């Protein structure tokens, strides 16, 4: 399970971003991940809520990949909500 804790951008524990954006279908996410090997390998995937809202957690180092990928999904970066924080995988 992936967890994300929101933190100030300047926190020493900040190592990732959470990107949320409206207007993405699960089919579009699936198809775009299949077509973009770099995004698939580096970002691992994402989620789409029932109302079509993309939720993507990405390491800070992969923010440029996440921005490019969200553009491929048709997301207007100016409408996306980006929060900084700490990601952790819990098993």
PDB file of N, CA and C in Angstrom:
ATOM      1  N   UNK A   1       0.845  -1.161   0.000  1.00  0.00           N
ATOM      2  CA  UNK A   1       0.000   0.000   0.000  1.00  0.00           C
ATOM      3  C   UNK A   1       0.898   1.234   0.000  1.00  0.00           C
ATOM      4  N   UNK A   2       0.517   2.205  -0.784  1.00  0.00           N
ATOM      5  CA  UNK A   2       1.235   3.474  -0.840  1.00  0.00           C
ATOM      6  C   UNK A   2       0.526   4.484   0.049  1.00  0.00           C
ATOM      7  N   UNK A   3       1.276   5.133   0.924  1.00  0.00           N
ATOM      8  CA  UNK A   3       0.715   6.202   1.743  1.00  0.00           C
ATOM      9  C   UNK A   3       1.373   7.515   1.352  1.00  0.00           C
ATOM     10  N   UNK A   4       0.665   8.602   1.587  1.00  0.00           N
ATOM     11  CA  UNK A   4       1.192   9.931   1.281  1.00  0.00           C
ATOM     12  C   UNK A   4       0.803  10.867   2.411  1.00  0.00           C
ATOM     13  N   UNK A   5       1.791  11.548   2.946  1.00  0.00           N
ATOM     14  CA  UNK A   5       1.565  12.510   4.033  1.00  0.00           C
ATOM     15  C   UNK A   5       1.928  13.893   3.499  1.00  0.00           C
ATOM     16  N   UNK A   6       0.969  14.813   3.470  1.00  0.00           N
ATOM     17  CA  UNK A   6       1.221  16.170   3.002  1.00  0.00           C
ATOM     18  C   UNK A   6       2.170  16.886   3.950  1.00  0.00           C
ATOM     19  N   UNK A   7       3.143  17.578   3.374  1.00  0.00           N
ATOM     20  CA  UNK A   7       4.142  18.338   4.123  1.00  0.00           C
ATOM     21  C   UNK A   7       4.440  19.628   3.385  1.00  0.00           C
ATOM     22  N   UNK A   8       5.046  20.596   4.068  1.00  0.00           N
ATOM     23  CA  UNK A   8       5.494  21.790   3.362  1.00  0.00           C
ATOM     24  C   UNK A   8       6.541  21.425   2.301  1.00  0.00           C
ATOM     25  N   UNK A   9       6.533  22.161   1.235  1.00  0.00           N
ATOM     26  CA  UNK A   9       7.495  21.935   0.147  1.00  0.00           C
ATOM     27  C   UNK A   9       8.933  21.959   0.656  1.00  0.00           C
ATOM     28  N   UNK A  10       9.195  22.757   1.681  1.00  0.00           N
ATOM     29  CA  UNK A  10      10.559  22.934   2.191  1.00  0.00           C
ATOM     30  C   UNK A  10      10.955  21.923   3.265  1.00  0.00           C
ATOM     31  N   UNK A  11      10.056  21.026   3.649  1.00  0.00           N
ATOM     32  CA  UNK A  11      10.368  20.038   4.681  1.00  0.00           C
ATOM     33  C   UNK A  11      11.469  19.088   4.189  1.00  0.00           C
ATOM     34  N   UNK A  12      12.359  18.712   5.088  1.00  0.00           N
ATOM     35  CA  UNK A  12      13.420  17.772   4.716  1.00  0.00           C
ATOM     36  C   UNK A  12      12.867  16.378   4.424  1.00  0.00           C
ATOM     37  N   UNK A  13      11.647  16.085   4.886  1.00  0.00           N
ATOM     38  CA  UNK A  13      11.017  14.786   4.621  1.00  0.00           C
ATOM     39  C   UNK A  13      10.254  14.747   3.300  1.00  0.00           C
ATOM     40  N   UNK A  14      10.090  15.890   2.650  1.00  0.00           N
ATOM     41  CA  UNK A  14       9.352  15.935   1.392  1.00  0.00           C
ATOM     42  C   UNK A  14      10.165  15.248   0.299  1.00  0.00           C
ATOM     43  N   UNK A  15       9.552  14.204  -0.282  1.00  0.00           N
ATOM     44  CA  UNK A  15      10.239  13.459  -1.333  1.00  0.00           C
ATOM     45  C   UNK A  15       9.329  13.117  -2.508  1.00  0.00           C
ATOM     46  N   UNK A  16       8.083  13.629  -2.477  1.00  0.00           N
ATOM     47  CA  UNK A  16       7.127  13.261  -3.514  1.00  0.00           C
ATOM     48  C   UNK A  16       6.063  14.343  -3.670  1.00  0.00           C
ATOM     49  N   UNK A  17       5.266  14.176  -4.712  1.00  0.00           N
ATOM     50  CA  UNK A  17       4.116  15.050  -4.933  1.00  0.00           C
ATOM     51  C   UNK A  17       2.880  14.188  -5.156  1.00  0.00           C
ATOM     52  N   UNK A  18       1.741  14.734  -4.770  1.00  0.00           N
ATOM     53  CA  UNK A  18       0.448  14.142  -5.083  1.00  0.00           C
ATOM     54  C   UNK A  18      -0.208  15.080  -6.086  1.00  0.00           C
ATOM     55  N   UNK A  19      -0.584  14.534  -7.213  1.00  0.00           N
ATOM     56  CA  UNK A  19      -1.218  15.318  -8.269  1.00  0.00           C
ATOM     57  C   UNK A  19      -2.662  14.845  -8.391  1.00  0.00           C
ATOM     58  N   UNK A  20      -3.589  15.790  -8.307  1.00  0.00           N
ATOM     59  CA  UNK A  20      -5.000  15.472  -8.516  1.00  0.00           C
ATOM     60  C   UNK A  20      -5.519  16.386  -9.607  1.00  0.00           C
ATOM     61  N   UNK A  21      -6.311  15.798 -10.509  1.00  0.00           N
ATOM     62  CA  UNK A  21      -6.858  16.585 -11.614  1.00  0.00           C
ATOM     63  C   UNK A  21      -8.157  15.956 -12.094  1.00  0.00           C
ATOM     64  N   UNK A  22      -9.128  16.783 -12.433  1.00  0.00           N
ATOM     65  CA  UNK A  22     -10.411  16.266 -12.918  1.00  0.00           C
ATOM     66  C   UNK A  22     -10.332  15.875 -14.396  1.00  0.00           C
ATOM     67  N   UNK A  23     -11.312  15.089 -14.816  1.00  0.00           N
ATOM     68  CA  UNK A  23     -11.498  14.833 -16.235  1.00  0.00           C
ATOM     69  C   UNK A  23     -10.680  13.699 -16.825  1.00  0.00           C
ATOM     70  N   UNK A  24     -10.334  12.694 -16.032  1.00  0.00           N
ATOM     71  CA  UNK A  24      -9.560  11.567 -16.546  1.00  0.00           C
ATOM     72  C   UNK A  24     -10.362  10.281 -16.309  1.00  0.00           C
ATOM     73  N   UNK A  25     -10.528   9.502 -17.351  1.00  0.00           N
ATOM     74  CA  UNK A  25     -11.227   8.222 -17.201  1.00  0.00           C
ATOM     75  C   UNK A  25     -10.221   7.115 -16.906  1.00  0.00           C
ATOM     76  N   UNK A  26     -10.715   6.034 -16.332  1.00  0.00           N
ATOM     77  CA  UNK A  26      -9.819   4.913 -16.042  1.00  0.00           C
ATOM     78  C   UNK A  26      -9.299   4.295 -17.333  1.00  0.00           C
ATOM     79  N   UNK A  27     -10.120   4.306 -18.385  1.00  0.00           N
ATOM     80  CA  UNK A  27      -9.683   3.787 -19.685  1.00  0.00           C
ATOM     81  C   UNK A  27      -8.556   4.640 -20.249  1.00  0.00           C
ATOM     82  N   UNK A  28      -8.690   5.938 -20.137  1.00  0.00           N
ATOM     83  CA  UNK A  28      -7.645   6.855 -20.636  1.00  0.00           C
ATOM     84  C   UNK A  28      -6.347   6.642 -19.852  1.00  0.00           C
ATOM     85  N   UNK A  29      -6.437   6.510 -18.526  1.00  0.00           N
ATOM     86  CA  UNK A  29      -5.244   6.254 -17.715  1.00  0.00           C
ATOM     87  C   UNK A  29      -4.593   4.945 -18.150  1.00  0.00           C
ATOM     88  N   UNK A  30      -5.371   3.904 -18.270  1.00  0.00           N
ATOM     89  CA  UNK A  30      -4.867   2.594 -18.677  1.00  0.00           C
ATOM     90  C   UNK A  30      -4.159   2.671 -20.034  1.00  0.00           C
ATOM     91  N   UNK A  31      -4.847   3.222 -21.025  1.00  0.00           N
ATOM     92  CA  UNK A  31      -4.304   3.269 -22.385  1.00  0.00           C
ATOM     93  C   UNK A  31      -3.049   4.129 -22.472  1.00  0.00           C
ATOM     94  N   UNK A  32      -3.032   5.239 -21.744  1.00  0.00           N
ATOM     95  CA  UNK A  32      -1.879   6.131 -21.783  1.00  0.00           C
ATOM     96  C   UNK A  32      -0.687   5.503 -21.077  1.00  0.00           C
ATOM     97  N   UNK A  33      -0.918   4.789 -19.984  1.00  0.00           N
ATOM     98  CA  UNK A  33       0.176   4.062 -19.326  1.00  0.00           C
ATOM     99  C   UNK A  33       0.756   2.986 -20.240  1.00  0.00           C
ATOM    100  N   UNK A  34      -0.107   2.272 -20.951  1.00  0.00           N
ATOM    101  CA  UNK A  34       0.386   1.252 -21.878  1.00  0.00           C
ATOM    102  C   UNK A  34       1.238   1.858 -22.985  1.00  0.00           C
ATOM    103  N   UNK A  35       0.888   3.050 -23.424  1.00  0.00           N
ATOM    104  CA  UNK A  35       1.601   3.689 -24.527  1.00  0.00           C
ATOM    105  C   UNK A  35       2.877   4.405 -24.101  1.00  0.00           C
ATOM    106  N   UNK A  36       3.060   4.643 -22.820  1.00  0.00           N
ATOM    107  CA  UNK A  36       4.205   5.415 -22.337  1.00  0.00           C
ATOM    108  C   UNK A  36       5.027   4.566 -21.362  1.00  0.00           C
ATOM    109  N   UNK A  37       6.011   3.852 -21.899  1.00  0.00           N
ATOM    110  CA  UNK A  37       6.817   2.931 -21.085  1.00  0.00           C
ATOM    111  C   UNK A  37       7.575   3.658 -19.984  1.00  0.00           C
ATOM    112  N   UNK A  38       8.094   4.841 -20.264  1.00  0.00           N
ATOM    113  CA  UNK A  38       8.845   5.571 -19.236  1.00  0.00           C
ATOM    114  C   UNK A  38       7.934   5.926 -18.061  1.00  0.00           C
ATOM    115  N   UNK A  39       6.766   6.469 -18.352  1.00  0.00           N
ATOM    116  CA  UNK A  39       5.834   6.826 -17.268  1.00  0.00           C
ATOM    117  C   UNK A  39       5.405   5.577 -16.505  1.00  0.00           C
ATOM    118  N   UNK A  40       5.132   4.510 -17.214  1.00  0.00           N
ATOM    119  CA  UNK A  40       4.711   3.258 -16.571  1.00  0.00           C
ATOM    120  C   UNK A  40       5.800   2.745 -15.627  1.00  0.00           C
ATOM    121  N   UNK A  41       7.045   2.763 -16.085  1.00  0.00           N
ATOM    122  CA  UNK A  41       8.153   2.248 -15.279  1.00  0.00           C
ATOM    123  C   UNK A  41       8.516   3.167 -14.115  1.00  0.00           C
ATOM    124  N   UNK A  42       8.517   4.465 -14.341  1.00  0.00           N
ATOM    125  CA  UNK A  42       8.966   5.396 -13.304  1.00  0.00           C
ATOM    126  C   UNK A  42       7.869   5.789 -12.339  1.00  0.00           C
ATOM    127  N   UNK A  43       6.628   5.898 -12.811  1.00  0.00           N
ATOM    128  CA  UNK A  43       5.531   6.317 -11.943  1.00  0.00           C
ATOM    129  C   UNK A  43       4.759   5.135 -11.376  1.00  0.00           C
ATOM    130  N   UNK A  44       4.787   4.026 -12.060  1.00  0.00           N
ATOM    131  CA  UNK A  44       4.140   2.825 -11.562  1.00  0.00           C
ATOM    132  C   UNK A  44       2.644   2.765 -11.781  1.00  0.00           C
ATOM    133  N   UNK A  45       1.999   3.860 -11.996  1.00  0.00           N
ATOM    134  CA  UNK A  45       0.556   3.873 -12.191  1.00  0.00           C
ATOM    135  C   UNK A  45      -0.083   5.047 -11.503  1.00  0.00           C
ATOM    136  N   UNK A  46      -1.364   4.979 -11.370  1.00  0.00           N
ATOM    137  CA  UNK A  46      -2.129   6.045 -10.735  1.00  0.00           C
ATOM    138  C   UNK A  46      -3.520   5.515 -10.453  1.00  0.00           C
ATOM    139  N   UNK A  47      -4.383   6.387 -10.013  1.00  0.00           N
ATOM    140  CA  UNK A  47      -5.764   6.006  -9.717  1.00  0.00           C
ATOM    141  C   UNK A  47      -6.703   7.042 -10.305  1.00  0.00           C
ATOM    142  N   UNK A  48      -7.924   6.585 -10.554  1.00  0.00           N
ATOM    143  CA  UNK A  48      -8.981   7.483 -10.991  1.00  0.00           C
ATOM    144  C   UNK A  48     -10.176   7.222 -10.085  1.00  0.00           C
ATOM    145  N   UNK A  49     -10.698   8.287  -9.502  1.00  0.00           N
ATOM    146  CA  UNK A  49     -11.863   8.165  -8.633  1.00  0.00           C
ATOM    147  C   UNK A  49     -13.121   7.924  -9.473  1.00  0.00           C
ATOM    148  N   UNK A  50     -14.201   7.546  -8.817  1.00  0.00           N
ATOM    149  CA  UNK A  50     -15.452   7.280  -9.530  1.00  0.00           C
ATOM    150  C   UNK A  50     -15.954   8.489 -10.308  1.00  0.00           C
ATOM    151  N   UNK A  51     -15.630   9.689  -9.833  1.00  0.00           N
ATOM    152  CA  UNK A  51     -16.085  10.889 -10.545  1.00  0.00           C
ATOM    153  C   UNK A  51     -15.055  11.405 -11.551  1.00  0.00           C
ATOM    154  N   UNK A  52     -14.037  10.592 -11.909  1.00  0.00           N
ATOM    155  CA  UNK A  52     -13.103  10.959 -12.965  1.00  0.00           C
ATOM    156  C   UNK A  52     -11.977  11.871 -12.541  1.00  0.00           C
ATOM    157  N   UNK A  53     -11.546  11.753 -11.318  1.00  0.00           N
ATOM    158  CA  UNK A  53     -10.450  12.585 -10.815  1.00  0.00           C
ATOM    159  C   UNK A  53      -9.185  11.737 -10.732  1.00  0.00           C
ATOM    160  N   UNK A  54      -8.144  12.169 -11.432  1.00  0.00           N
ATOM    161  CA  UNK A  54      -6.847  11.504 -11.395  1.00  0.00           C
ATOM    162  C   UNK A  54      -6.180  11.745 -10.052  1.00  0.00           C
ATOM    163  N   UNK A  55      -5.586  10.698  -9.477  1.00  0.00           N
ATOM    164  CA  UNK A  55      -4.753  10.816  -8.289  1.00  0.00           C
ATOM    165  C   UNK A  55      -3.448  10.101  -8.622  1.00  0.00           C
ATOM    166  N   UNK A  56      -2.362  10.864  -8.629  1.00  0.00           N
ATOM    167  CA  UNK A  56      -1.059  10.333  -9.018  1.00  0.00           C
ATOM    168  C   UNK A  56      -0.030  10.769  -7.981  1.00  0.00           C
ATOM    169  N   UNK A  57       0.707   9.804  -7.437  1.00  0.00           N
ATOM    170  CA  UNK A  57       1.798  10.086  -6.505  1.00  0.00           C
ATOM    171  C   UNK A  57       3.095   9.845  -7.266  1.00  0.00           C
ATOM    172  N   UNK A  58       3.999  10.811  -7.217  1.00  0.00           N
ATOM    173  CA  UNK A  58       5.259  10.688  -7.951  1.00  0.00           C
ATOM    174  C   UNK A  58       6.418  11.197  -7.103  1.00  0.00           C
ATOM    175  N   UNK A  59       7.554  10.509  -7.168  1.00  0.00           N
ATOM    176  CA  UNK A  59       8.744  11.030  -6.507  1.00  0.00           C
ATOM    177  C   UNK A  59       9.111  12.393  -7.091  1.00  0.00           C
ATOM    178  N   UNK A  60       9.665  13.265  -6.270  1.00  0.00           N
ATOM    179  CA  UNK A  60      10.066  14.590  -6.762  1.00  0.00           C
ATOM    180  C   UNK A  60      10.983  14.487  -7.973  1.00  0.00           C
ATOM    181  N   UNK A  61      11.872  13.506  -7.967  1.00  0.00           N
ATOM    182  CA  UNK A  61      12.804  13.338  -9.085  1.00  0.00           C
ATOM    183  C   UNK A  61      12.077  13.036 -10.393  1.00  0.00           C
ATOM    184  N   UNK A  62      10.866  12.505 -10.303  1.00  0.00           N
ATOM    185  CA  UNK A  62      10.091  12.159 -11.494  1.00  0.00           C
ATOM    186  C   UNK A  62       9.000  13.175 -11.821  1.00  0.00           C
ATOM    187  N   UNK A  63       9.054  14.347 -11.198  1.00  0.00           N
ATOM    188  CA  UNK A  63       8.035  15.366 -11.465  1.00  0.00           C
ATOM    189  C   UNK A  63       7.958  15.735 -12.949  1.00  0.00           C
ATOM    190  N   UNK A  64       9.084  15.900 -13.665  1.00  0.00           N
ATOM    191  CA  UNK A  64       8.959  16.191 -15.100  1.00  0.00           C
ATOM    192  C   UNK A  64       8.237  15.080 -15.874  1.00  0.00           C
ATOM    193  N   UNK A  65       8.477  13.831 -15.510  1.00  0.00           N
ATOM    194  CA  UNK A  65       7.777  12.710 -16.154  1.00  0.00           C
ATOM    195  C   UNK A  65       6.293  12.790 -15.828  1.00  0.00           C
ATOM    196  N   UNK A  66       5.957  13.082 -14.581  1.00  0.00           N
ATOM    197  CA  UNK A  66       4.559  13.191 -14.174  1.00  0.00           C
ATOM    198  C   UNK A  66       3.857  14.342 -14.902  1.00  0.00           C
ATOM    199  N   UNK A  67       4.541  15.468 -15.070  1.00  0.00           N
ATOM    200  CA  UNK A  67       3.942  16.593 -15.795  1.00  0.00           C
ATOM    201  C   UNK A  67       3.686  16.226 -17.254  1.00  0.00           C
ATOM    202  N   UNK A  68       4.644  15.582 -17.882  1.00  0.00           N
ATOM    203  CA  UNK A  68       4.478  15.174 -19.277  1.00  0.00           C
ATOM    204  C   UNK A  68       3.350  14.159 -19.390  1.00  0.00           C
ATOM    205  N   UNK A  69       3.327  13.196 -18.476  1.00  0.00           N
ATOM    206  CA  UNK A  69       2.304  12.157 -18.501  1.00  0.00           C
ATOM    207  C   UNK A  69       0.910  12.741 -18.310  1.00  0.00           C
ATOM    208  N   UNK A  70       0.757  13.653 -17.372  1.00  0.00           N
ATOM    209  CA  UNK A  70      -0.567  14.252 -17.166  1.00  0.00           C
ATOM    210  C   UNK A  70      -1.001  15.043 -18.397  1.00  0.00           C
ATOM    211  N   UNK A  71      -0.054  15.671 -19.076  1.00  0.00           N
ATOM    212  CA  UNK A  71      -0.395  16.365 -20.324  1.00  0.00           C
ATOM    213  C   UNK A  71      -0.890  15.364 -21.371  1.00  0.00           C
ATOM    214  N   UNK A  72      -0.238  14.187 -21.438  1.00  0.00           N
ATOM    215  CA  UNK A  72      -0.688  13.140 -22.364  1.00  0.00           C
ATOM    216  C   UNK A  72      -2.105  12.679 -22.033  1.00  0.00           C
ATOM    217  N   UNK A  73      -2.472  12.757 -20.755  1.00  0.00           N
ATOM    218  CA  UNK A  73      -3.822  12.391 -20.333  1.00  0.00           C
ATOM    219  C   UNK A  73      -4.843  13.478 -20.662  1.00  0.00           C
ATOM    220  N   UNK A  74      -4.368  14.625 -21.111  1.00  0.00           N
ATOM    221  CA  UNK A  74      -5.266  15.731 -21.419  1.00  0.00           C
ATOM    222  C   UNK A  74      -5.521  16.659 -20.248  1.00  0.00           C
ATOM    223  N   UNK A  75      -4.707  16.537 -19.196  1.00  0.00           N
ATOM    224  CA  UNK A  75      -4.868  17.371 -18.003  1.00  0.00           C
ATOM    225  C   UNK A  75      -4.249  18.740 -18.237  1.00  0.00           C
ATOM    226  N   UNK A  76      -4.995  19.783 -17.895  1.00  0.00           N
ATOM    227  CA  UNK A  76      -4.470  21.143 -17.888  1.00  0.00           C
ATOM    228  C   UNK A  76      -3.705  21.319 -16.575  1.00  0.00           C
ATOM    229  N   UNK A  77      -2.379  21.429 -16.661  1.00  0.00           N
ATOM    230  CA  UNK A  77      -1.544  21.510 -15.463  1.00  0.00           C
ATOM    231  C   UNK A  77      -1.968  22.659 -14.553  1.00  0.00           C
ATOM    232  N   UNK A  78      -2.510  23.720 -15.114  1.00  0.00           N
ATOM    233  CA  UNK A  78      -2.954  24.863 -14.308  1.00  0.00           C
ATOM    234  C   UNK A  78      -4.202  24.542 -13.486  1.00  0.00           C
ATOM    235  N   UNK A  79      -4.925  23.497 -13.848  1.00  0.00           N
ATOM    236  CA  UNK A  79      -6.108  23.078 -13.086  1.00  0.00           C
ATOM    237  C   UNK A  79      -5.799  21.954 -12.110  1.00  0.00           C
ATOM    238  N   UNK A  80      -4.604  21.373 -12.232  1.00  0.00           N
ATOM    239  CA  UNK A  80      -4.222  20.270 -11.349  1.00  0.00           C
ATOM    240  C   UNK A  80      -3.871  20.807  -9.962  1.00  0.00           C
ATOM    241  N   UNK A  81      -4.182  20.002  -8.950  1.00  0.00           N
ATOM    242  CA  UNK A  81      -3.781  20.321  -7.581  1.00  0.00           C
ATOM    243  C   UNK A  81      -2.517  19.514  -7.288  1.00  0.00           C
ATOM    244  N   UNK A  82      -1.463  20.205  -6.888  1.00  0.00           N
ATOM    245  CA  UNK A  82      -0.196  19.536  -6.597  1.00  0.00           C
ATOM    246  C   UNK A  82       0.153  19.810  -5.139  1.00  0.00           C
ATOM    247  N   UNK A  83       0.311  18.730  -4.397  1.00  0.00           N
ATOM    248  CA  UNK A  83       0.687  18.833  -2.983  1.00  0.00           C
ATOM    249  C   UNK A  83       2.021  18.126  -2.793  1.00  0.00           C
ATOM    250  N   UNK A  84       2.860  18.696  -1.976  1.00  0.00           N
ATOM    251  CA  UNK A  84       4.154  18.086  -1.650  1.00  0.00           C
ATOM    252  C   UNK A  84       4.025  17.267  -0.377  1.00  0.00           C
ATOM    253  N   UNK A  85       4.862  16.249  -0.261  1.00  0.00           N
ATOM    254  CA  UNK A  85       4.820  15.435   0.940  1.00  0.00           C
ATOM    255  C   UNK A  85       5.784  14.273   0.904  1.00  0.00           C
ATOM    256  N   UNK A  86       5.466  13.290   1.733  1.00  0.00           N
ATOM    257  CA  UNK A  86       6.308  12.110   1.912  1.00  0.00           C
ATOM    258  C   UNK A  86       5.529  10.877   1.484  1.00  0.00           C
ATOM    259  N   UNK A  87       6.093  10.101   0.576  1.00  0.00           N
ATOM    260  CA  UNK A  87       5.463   8.848   0.179  1.00  0.00           C
ATOM    261  C   UNK A  87       6.155   7.693   0.875  1.00  0.00           C
ATOM    262  N   UNK A  88       5.373   6.666   1.164  1.00  0.00           N
ATOM    263  CA  UNK A  88       5.935   5.482   1.789  1.00  0.00           C
ATOM    264  C   UNK A  88       5.128   4.261   1.380  1.00  0.00           C
ATOM    265  N   UNK A  89       5.835   3.200   1.045  1.00  0.00           N
ATOM    266  CA  UNK A  89       5.181   1.928   0.756  1.00  0.00           C
ATOM    267  C   UNK A  89       5.121   1.121   2.035  1.00  0.00           C
ATOM    268  N   UNK A  90       3.931   0.669   2.375  1.00  0.00           N
ATOM    269  CA  UNK A  90       3.710  -0.105   3.601  1.00  0.00           C
ATOM    270  C   UNK A  90       3.190  -1.474   3.177  1.00  0.00           C
ATOM    271  N   UNK A  91       3.804  -2.524   3.725  1.00  0.00           N
ATOM    272  CA  UNK A  91       3.330  -3.869   3.362  1.00  0.00           C
ATOM    273  C   UNK A  91       2.651  -4.552   4.532  1.00  0.00           C
TER     274      UNK A  91
END
